Amino acid sequence: MQISSSIVGSRYVMRLQAHAQQMHDRLTLIFDTLEQWRECQRNWLYLENIFSSGDIRKHRPKDF
């Protein structure tokens, strides 16, 4: 994200400022989405062991 921020802030990009800002916004959205997905996967790996245990399956058989 630092590179796209540098490009958007550069004085040499004046004629393309709107396009550079749009691309920076898109890259930021993609980066944020991937970070949220990574966080979701990390949480799932933590919770998977809990919900796959025999004790939980015995108490909630209809959910599995």
C-alpha atoms as a PDB file:
ATOM      1  CA  MET A   1       0.000   0.000   0.000  1.00  0.00           C
ATOM      2  CA  GLN A   2       2.955   2.261   0.542  1.00  0.00           C
ATOM      3  CA  ILE A   3       3.866   2.218  -3.148  1.00  0.00           C
ATOM      4  CA  SER A   4       0.381   3.229  -4.299  1.00  0.00           C
ATOM      5  CA  SER A   5       0.298   5.961  -1.638  1.00  0.00           C
ATOM      6  CA  SER A   6       3.611   7.270  -2.948  1.00  0.00           C
ATOM      7  CA  ILE A   7       2.313   7.285  -6.504  1.00  0.00           C
ATOM      8  CA  VAL A   8      -0.887   9.121  -5.537  1.00  0.00           C
ATOM      9  CA  GLY A   9       1.147  11.708  -3.641  1.00  0.00           C
ATOM     10  CA  SER A  10       3.697  12.224  -6.390  1.00  0.00           C
ATOM     11  CA  ARG A  11       3.807  15.550  -8.211  1.00  0.00           C
ATOM     12  CA  TYR A  12       4.380  13.696 -11.489  1.00  0.00           C
ATOM     13  CA  VAL A  13       0.957  12.089 -11.444  1.00  0.00           C
ATOM     14  CA  MET A  14      -1.096  15.288 -11.589  1.00  0.00           C
ATOM     15  CA  ARG A  15      -2.733  14.546 -14.952  1.00  0.00           C
ATOM     16  CA  LEU A  16      -3.598  11.044 -13.787  1.00  0.00           C
ATOM     17  CA  GLN A  17      -4.475  11.937 -10.196  1.00  0.00           C
ATOM     18  CA  ALA A  18      -8.096  10.723 -10.381  1.00  0.00           C
ATOM     19  CA  HIS A  19      -7.102   7.424 -11.988  1.00  0.00           C
ATOM     20  CA  ALA A  20      -4.235   6.909  -9.527  1.00  0.00           C
ATOM     21  CA  GLN A  21      -6.553   7.606  -6.583  1.00  0.00           C
ATOM     22  CA  GLN A  22      -9.144   5.182  -7.957  1.00  0.00           C
ATOM     23  CA  MET A  23      -6.523   2.458  -8.326  1.00  0.00           C
ATOM     24  CA  HIS A  24      -5.212   3.173  -4.829  1.00  0.00           C
ATOM     25  CA  ASP A  25      -8.744   2.877  -3.420  1.00  0.00           C
ATOM     26  CA  ARG A  26      -9.282  -0.428  -5.223  1.00  0.00           C
ATOM     27  CA  LEU A  27      -5.975  -1.823  -3.983  1.00  0.00           C
ATOM     28  CA  THR A  28      -6.813  -0.718  -0.450  1.00  0.00           C
ATOM     29  CA  LEU A  29     -10.188  -2.477  -0.649  1.00  0.00           C
ATOM     30  CA  ILE A  30      -8.552  -5.671  -1.936  1.00  0.00           C
ATOM     31  CA  PHE A  31      -5.904  -5.521   0.789  1.00  0.00           C
ATOM     32  CA  ASP A  32      -8.507  -4.971   3.518  1.00  0.00           C
ATOM     33  CA  THR A  33     -10.665  -7.818   2.181  1.00  0.00           C
ATOM     34  CA  LEU A  34      -7.708 -10.209   2.163  1.00  0.00           C
ATOM     35  CA  GLU A  35      -6.778  -9.180   5.701  1.00  0.00           C
ATOM     36  CA  GLN A  36     -10.339  -9.871   6.892  1.00  0.00           C
ATOM     37  CA  TRP A  37     -10.316 -13.237   5.135  1.00  0.00           C
ATOM     38  CA  ARG A  38      -6.996 -14.092   6.791  1.00  0.00           C
ATOM     39  CA  GLU A  39      -8.435 -13.149  10.188  1.00  0.00           C
ATOM     40  CA  CYS A  40     -11.488 -15.330   9.503  1.00  0.00           C
ATOM     41  CA  GLN A  41      -9.265 -18.286   8.622  1.00  0.00           C
ATOM     42  CA  ARG A  42      -7.165 -17.763  11.736  1.00  0.00           C
ATOM     43  CA  ASN A  43     -10.294 -17.756  13.891  1.00  0.00           C
ATOM     44  CA  TRP A  44     -11.648 -20.849  12.133  1.00  0.00           C
ATOM     45  CA  LEU A  45      -8.416 -22.762  12.756  1.00  0.00           C
ATOM     46  CA  TYR A  46      -8.693 -21.880  16.428  1.00  0.00           C
ATOM     47  CA  LEU A  47     -12.386 -22.817  16.711  1.00  0.00           C
ATOM     48  CA  GLU A  48     -12.297 -25.910  14.495  1.00  0.00           C
ATOM     49  CA  ASN A  49     -10.641 -28.005  17.194  1.00  0.00           C
ATOM     50  CA  ILE A  50     -13.208 -26.918  19.735  1.00  0.00           C
ATOM     51  CA  PHE A  51     -16.246 -27.737  17.593  1.00  0.00           C
ATOM     52  CA  SER A  52     -14.842 -30.980  16.225  1.00  0.00           C
ATOM     53  CA  SER A  53     -14.275 -32.439  19.679  1.00  0.00           C
ATOM     54  CA  GLY A  54     -16.316 -35.484  20.622  1.00  0.00           C
ATOM     55  CA  ASP A  55     -17.839 -33.792  23.659  1.00  0.00           C
ATOM     56  CA  ILE A  56     -19.404 -30.989  21.596  1.00  0.00           C
ATOM     57  CA  ARG A  57     -20.618 -33.426  18.934  1.00  0.00           C
ATOM     58  CA  LYS A  58     -22.263 -35.561  21.613  1.00  0.00           C
ATOM     59  CA  HIS A  59     -24.190 -32.588  23.054  1.00  0.00           C
ATOM     60  CA  ARG A  60     -25.254 -31.120  19.670  1.00  0.00           C
ATOM     61  CA  PRO A  61     -25.629 -34.059  17.270  1.00  0.00           C
ATOM     62  CA  LYS A  62     -28.236 -32.414  15.033  1.00  0.00           C
ATOM     63  CA  ASP A  63     -25.810 -29.566  14.166  1.00  0.00           C
ATOM     64  CA  PHE A  64     -23.309 -31.996  12.657  1.00  0.00           C
END
